[in-house]
């Protein structure tokens, strides 16, 4: 029974993305917002409710008409647009308290929406491989950004243990924009930016990475 329900959900999501395929493919390079809105049109995405104080949502729709997909039901469009705006703020590194205030939701709601959105965006990437939508890489990158709530430029740093979007941004703004630069950075400066404990965790993570690469290299030579 559970398998049947899962199959039904996957079919619904596939139908939603197939229906929007012509729209997404008509743009050579769909924007982040285009794909996020496309994802909110799937049945499994829980949409935010639009309240009387959310007059800005209509302005948001007007400003981003070229990026939003066609939606016949205007009430749904309002909710999809509000949810898309919230997720865009999330991956744009807007602070959680500001997101909570603007959208009148709690931190737990943000996390739940992000978890569902990450799964759906990953599913979109997988479907893109099979349906040749041409959005596979972008959807994969967006899934990662939704997971971390961070910009594209931070993804290289976010795989390290103990480093979230706030600490990664500190490193980036200090000129440490990649794993290679973090390896070469002064340990005292890294500890000042991250704190001694987190700096030690990141250093251990880097050493483990180097060890794994060396092990793979030796295996390949054999």
Protein backbone atom coordinates (compact mmCIF):
# COMPACT_ATOMS: atom_id res chain seq x y z
CA UNK A 1 0.00 0.00 0.00
CA UNK A 2 2.78 2.41 0.95
CA UNK A 3 4.54 1.56 -2.29
CA UNK A 4 1.38 2.40 -4.26
CA UNK A 5 1.04 5.73 -2.47
CA UNK A 6 4.67 6.57 -3.19
CA UNK A 7 4.25 5.66 -6.85
CA UNK A 8 1.14 7.84 -7.04
CA UNK A 9 3.02 10.80 -5.53
CA UNK A 10 5.90 10.34 -7.96
CA UNK A 11 3.47 10.17 -10.90
CA UNK A 12 1.79 13.40 -9.76
CA UNK A 13 5.13 15.16 -9.48
CA UNK A 14 6.19 13.88 -12.91
CA UNK A 15 2.93 15.10 -14.44
CA UNK A 16 3.38 18.56 -12.91
CA UNK A 17 6.91 18.88 -14.25
CA UNK A 18 5.96 17.48 -17.67
CA UNK A 19 3.13 20.00 -17.91
CA UNK A 20 5.60 22.80 -17.26
CA UNK A 21 8.34 21.37 -19.48
CA UNK A 22 7.57 23.53 -22.48
CA UNK A 23 7.66 26.65 -20.27
CA UNK A 24 10.96 25.82 -18.62
CA UNK A 25 12.63 24.68 -21.84
CA UNK A 26 11.42 27.73 -23.75
CA UNK A 27 13.88 29.71 -21.64
CA UNK A 28 17.43 28.76 -22.55
CA UNK A 29 18.60 29.51 -19.05
CA UNK A 30 15.81 29.31 -16.48
CA UNK A 31 16.48 31.43 -13.41
CA UNK A 32 16.63 30.13 -9.86
CA UNK A 33 13.20 31.61 -9.25
CA UNK A 34 11.76 29.88 -12.33
CA UNK A 35 12.82 26.47 -11.02
CA UNK A 36 11.77 27.23 -7.45
CA UNK A 37 8.33 28.32 -8.65
CA UNK A 38 8.09 25.23 -10.86
CA UNK A 39 8.81 23.12 -7.78
CA UNK A 40 6.08 24.86 -5.75
CA UNK A 41 3.58 23.82 -8.44
CA UNK A 42 4.08 20.14 -7.57
CA UNK A 43 1.47 18.49 -5.28
CA UNK A 44 3.89 17.69 -2.45
CA UNK A 45 5.04 21.25 -1.74
CA UNK A 46 3.19 22.70 1.23
CA UNK A 47 2.41 26.30 0.30
CA UNK A 48 2.33 29.30 2.62
CA UNK A 49 -1.04 30.98 3.10
CA UNK A 50 -1.52 34.52 1.85
CA UNK A 51 -2.91 36.88 4.47
CA UNK A 52 -4.45 40.34 4.31
CA UNK A 53 -1.11 41.97 5.10
CA UNK A 54 0.60 40.23 2.18
CA UNK A 55 -0.18 42.84 -0.45
CA UNK A 56 3.46 42.75 -1.47
CA UNK A 57 2.94 39.29 -3.03
CA UNK A 58 1.04 40.78 -5.97
CA UNK A 59 3.86 43.28 -6.46
CA UNK A 60 6.32 40.38 -6.38
CA UNK A 61 4.34 38.62 -9.12
CA UNK A 62 4.29 41.77 -11.27
CA UNK A 63 8.04 42.27 -10.84
CA UNK A 64 8.88 38.66 -11.75
CA UNK A 65 6.33 37.85 -14.45
CA UNK A 66 9.04 36.80 -16.85
CA UNK A 67 10.40 34.22 -14.40
CA UNK A 68 7.17 32.74 -13.05
CA UNK A 69 5.48 29.84 -14.81
CA UNK A 70 1.88 30.01 -16.04
CA UNK A 71 -0.71 29.25 -13.36
CA UNK A 72 -4.43 29.32 -14.18
CA UNK A 73 -5.59 29.56 -10.56
CA UNK A 74 -4.68 33.01 -9.22
CA UNK A 75 -5.18 32.00 -5.58
CA UNK A 76 -2.65 29.23 -6.08
CA UNK A 77 -0.33 31.63 -7.87
CA UNK A 78 -0.37 33.94 -4.85
CA UNK A 79 0.53 31.10 -2.49
CA UNK A 80 3.16 29.71 -4.86
CA UNK A 81 4.70 33.16 -5.27
CA UNK A 82 4.85 33.75 -1.50
CA UNK A 83 6.43 30.33 -0.94
CA UNK A 84 8.90 30.93 -3.78
CA UNK A 85 9.84 34.32 -2.34
CA UNK A 86 10.47 32.77 1.07
CA UNK A 87 12.70 30.05 -0.37
CA UNK A 88 14.54 32.64 -2.46
CA UNK A 89 15.21 34.64 0.70
CA UNK A 90 16.40 31.45 2.40
CA UNK A 91 18.99 30.64 -0.28
CA UNK A 92 19.83 34.35 -0.43
CA UNK A 93 21.08 34.05 3.19
CA UNK A 94 18.45 36.33 4.69
CA UNK A 95 18.50 35.86 8.46
CA UNK A 96 15.92 33.44 9.85
CA UNK A 97 14.38 36.03 12.16
CA UNK A 98 13.78 38.37 9.22
CA UNK A 99 12.20 35.57 7.21
CA UNK A 100 10.00 34.69 10.20
CA UNK A 101 8.85 38.30 10.56
CA UNK A 102 8.17 38.88 6.88
CA UNK A 103 6.31 35.63 6.22
CA UNK A 104 4.83 35.22 9.72
CA UNK A 105 6.17 31.69 10.16
CA UNK A 106 8.39 30.09 12.77
CA UNK A 107 11.95 28.80 12.34
CA UNK A 108 10.56 25.25 12.34
CA UNK A 109 8.29 26.13 9.43
CA UNK A 110 11.26 27.47 7.48
CA UNK A 111 13.19 24.26 8.06
CA UNK A 112 10.26 22.03 7.14
CA UNK A 113 9.64 23.95 3.93
CA UNK A 114 13.34 23.81 3.10
CA UNK A 115 13.50 20.05 3.69
CA UNK A 116 10.53 19.42 1.39
CA UNK A 117 11.88 21.84 -1.21
CA UNK A 118 15.31 20.17 -1.14
CA UNK A 119 13.76 16.77 -1.77
CA UNK A 120 11.55 18.08 -4.58
CA UNK A 121 14.41 19.95 -6.23
CA UNK A 122 16.55 16.82 -6.08
CA UNK A 123 13.65 14.89 -7.62
CA UNK A 124 13.43 17.52 -10.34
CA UNK A 125 17.10 17.02 -11.11
CA UNK A 126 16.61 13.26 -11.37
CA UNK A 127 13.56 13.67 -13.60
CA UNK A 128 15.51 16.08 -15.76
CA UNK A 129 18.05 13.34 -16.46
CA UNK A 130 15.32 11.00 -17.68
CA UNK A 131 13.12 13.56 -19.45
CA UNK A 132 15.97 15.59 -20.92
CA UNK A 133 14.72 18.87 -19.46
CA UNK A 134 18.17 20.42 -19.58
CA UNK A 135 18.03 21.65 -15.97
CA UNK A 136 19.82 18.81 -14.19
CA UNK A 137 22.93 20.64 -13.01
CA UNK A 138 21.08 23.80 -11.99
CA UNK A 139 18.48 21.79 -10.06
CA UNK A 140 21.21 19.80 -8.28
CA UNK A 141 22.95 23.03 -7.27
CA UNK A 142 19.66 24.53 -6.07
CA UNK A 143 18.95 21.43 -3.98
CA UNK A 144 22.29 21.95 -2.22
CA UNK A 145 21.64 25.66 -1.74
CA UNK A 146 18.23 24.93 -0.24
CA UNK A 147 19.83 22.39 2.09
CA UNK A 148 22.33 24.92 3.39
CA UNK A 149 20.31 28.11 2.90
CA UNK A 150 23.24 29.66 1.08
CA UNK A 151 24.44 31.28 -2.11
CA UNK A 152 26.09 29.41 -4.96
CA UNK A 153 29.49 30.89 -4.11
CA UNK A 154 29.58 29.19 -0.70
CA UNK A 155 28.96 25.59 -1.78
CA UNK A 156 32.65 24.74 -1.93
CA UNK A 157 33.06 25.58 1.76
CA UNK A 158 29.86 24.10 3.13
CA UNK A 159 30.90 20.45 2.98
CA UNK A 160 33.28 20.93 5.90
CA UNK A 161 32.22 19.79 9.35
CA UNK A 162 30.93 22.56 11.59
CA UNK A 163 30.72 25.19 8.85
CA UNK A 164 27.25 26.48 8.07
CA UNK A 165 26.19 29.39 5.93
CA UNK A 166 27.11 32.10 8.46
CA UNK A 167 30.66 30.85 9.07
CA UNK A 168 31.15 30.09 5.38
CA UNK A 169 30.20 33.65 4.51
CA UNK A 170 32.71 34.96 7.08
CA UNK A 171 35.44 32.94 5.40
CA UNK A 172 34.38 34.05 1.94
CA UNK A 173 34.33 37.74 2.85
CA UNK A 174 37.81 37.33 4.30
CA UNK A 175 39.11 36.06 0.97
CA UNK A 176 38.99 32.35 1.83
CA UNK A 177 36.72 31.35 -1.04
CA UNK A 178 37.71 27.72 -1.66
CA UNK A 179 38.99 24.58 0.03
CA UNK A 180 42.42 25.24 -1.46
CA UNK A 181 42.56 28.74 0.04
CA UNK A 182 41.37 27.41 3.38
CA UNK A 183 44.18 24.84 3.31
CA UNK A 184 46.69 27.61 2.68
CA UNK A 185 45.20 30.08 5.17
CA UNK A 186 46.85 31.09 8.41
CA UNK A 187 45.53 28.86 11.21
CA UNK A 188 45.36 31.76 13.65
CA UNK A 189 43.24 33.78 11.24
CA UNK A 190 40.92 30.84 10.61
CA UNK A 191 40.53 30.34 14.37
CA UNK A 192 39.70 34.03 14.76
CA UNK A 193 36.99 33.79 12.10
CA UNK A 194 35.45 30.49 13.13
CA UNK A 195 36.37 30.07 16.76
CA UNK A 196 39.06 27.59 17.96
CA UNK A 197 36.80 24.53 18.23
CA UNK A 198 35.17 24.91 14.83
CA UNK A 199 38.52 25.72 13.25
CA UNK A 200 39.92 22.47 14.66
CA UNK A 201 36.93 20.51 13.32
CA UNK A 202 37.33 22.03 9.87
CA UNK A 203 41.05 21.31 9.94
CA UNK A 204 40.35 17.67 10.84
CA UNK A 205 37.80 17.48 8.04
CA UNK A 206 40.39 18.81 5.60
CA UNK A 207 42.98 16.27 6.77
CA UNK A 208 40.46 13.45 6.34
CA UNK A 209 39.73 14.64 2.82
CA UNK A 210 43.41 14.66 1.93
CA UNK A 211 43.79 11.18 3.40
CA UNK A 212 40.89 9.84 1.35
CA UNK A 213 42.31 11.36 -1.84
CA UNK A 214 45.73 9.86 -1.14
CA UNK A 215 44.16 6.45 -0.49
CA UNK A 216 42.21 6.59 -3.75
CA UNK A 217 45.35 7.62 -5.61
CA UNK A 218 47.32 4.66 -4.23
CA UNK A 219 44.46 2.27 -5.08
CA UNK A 220 44.29 3.55 -8.66
CA UNK A 221 48.06 3.11 -9.13
CA UNK A 222 47.79 -0.51 -8.07
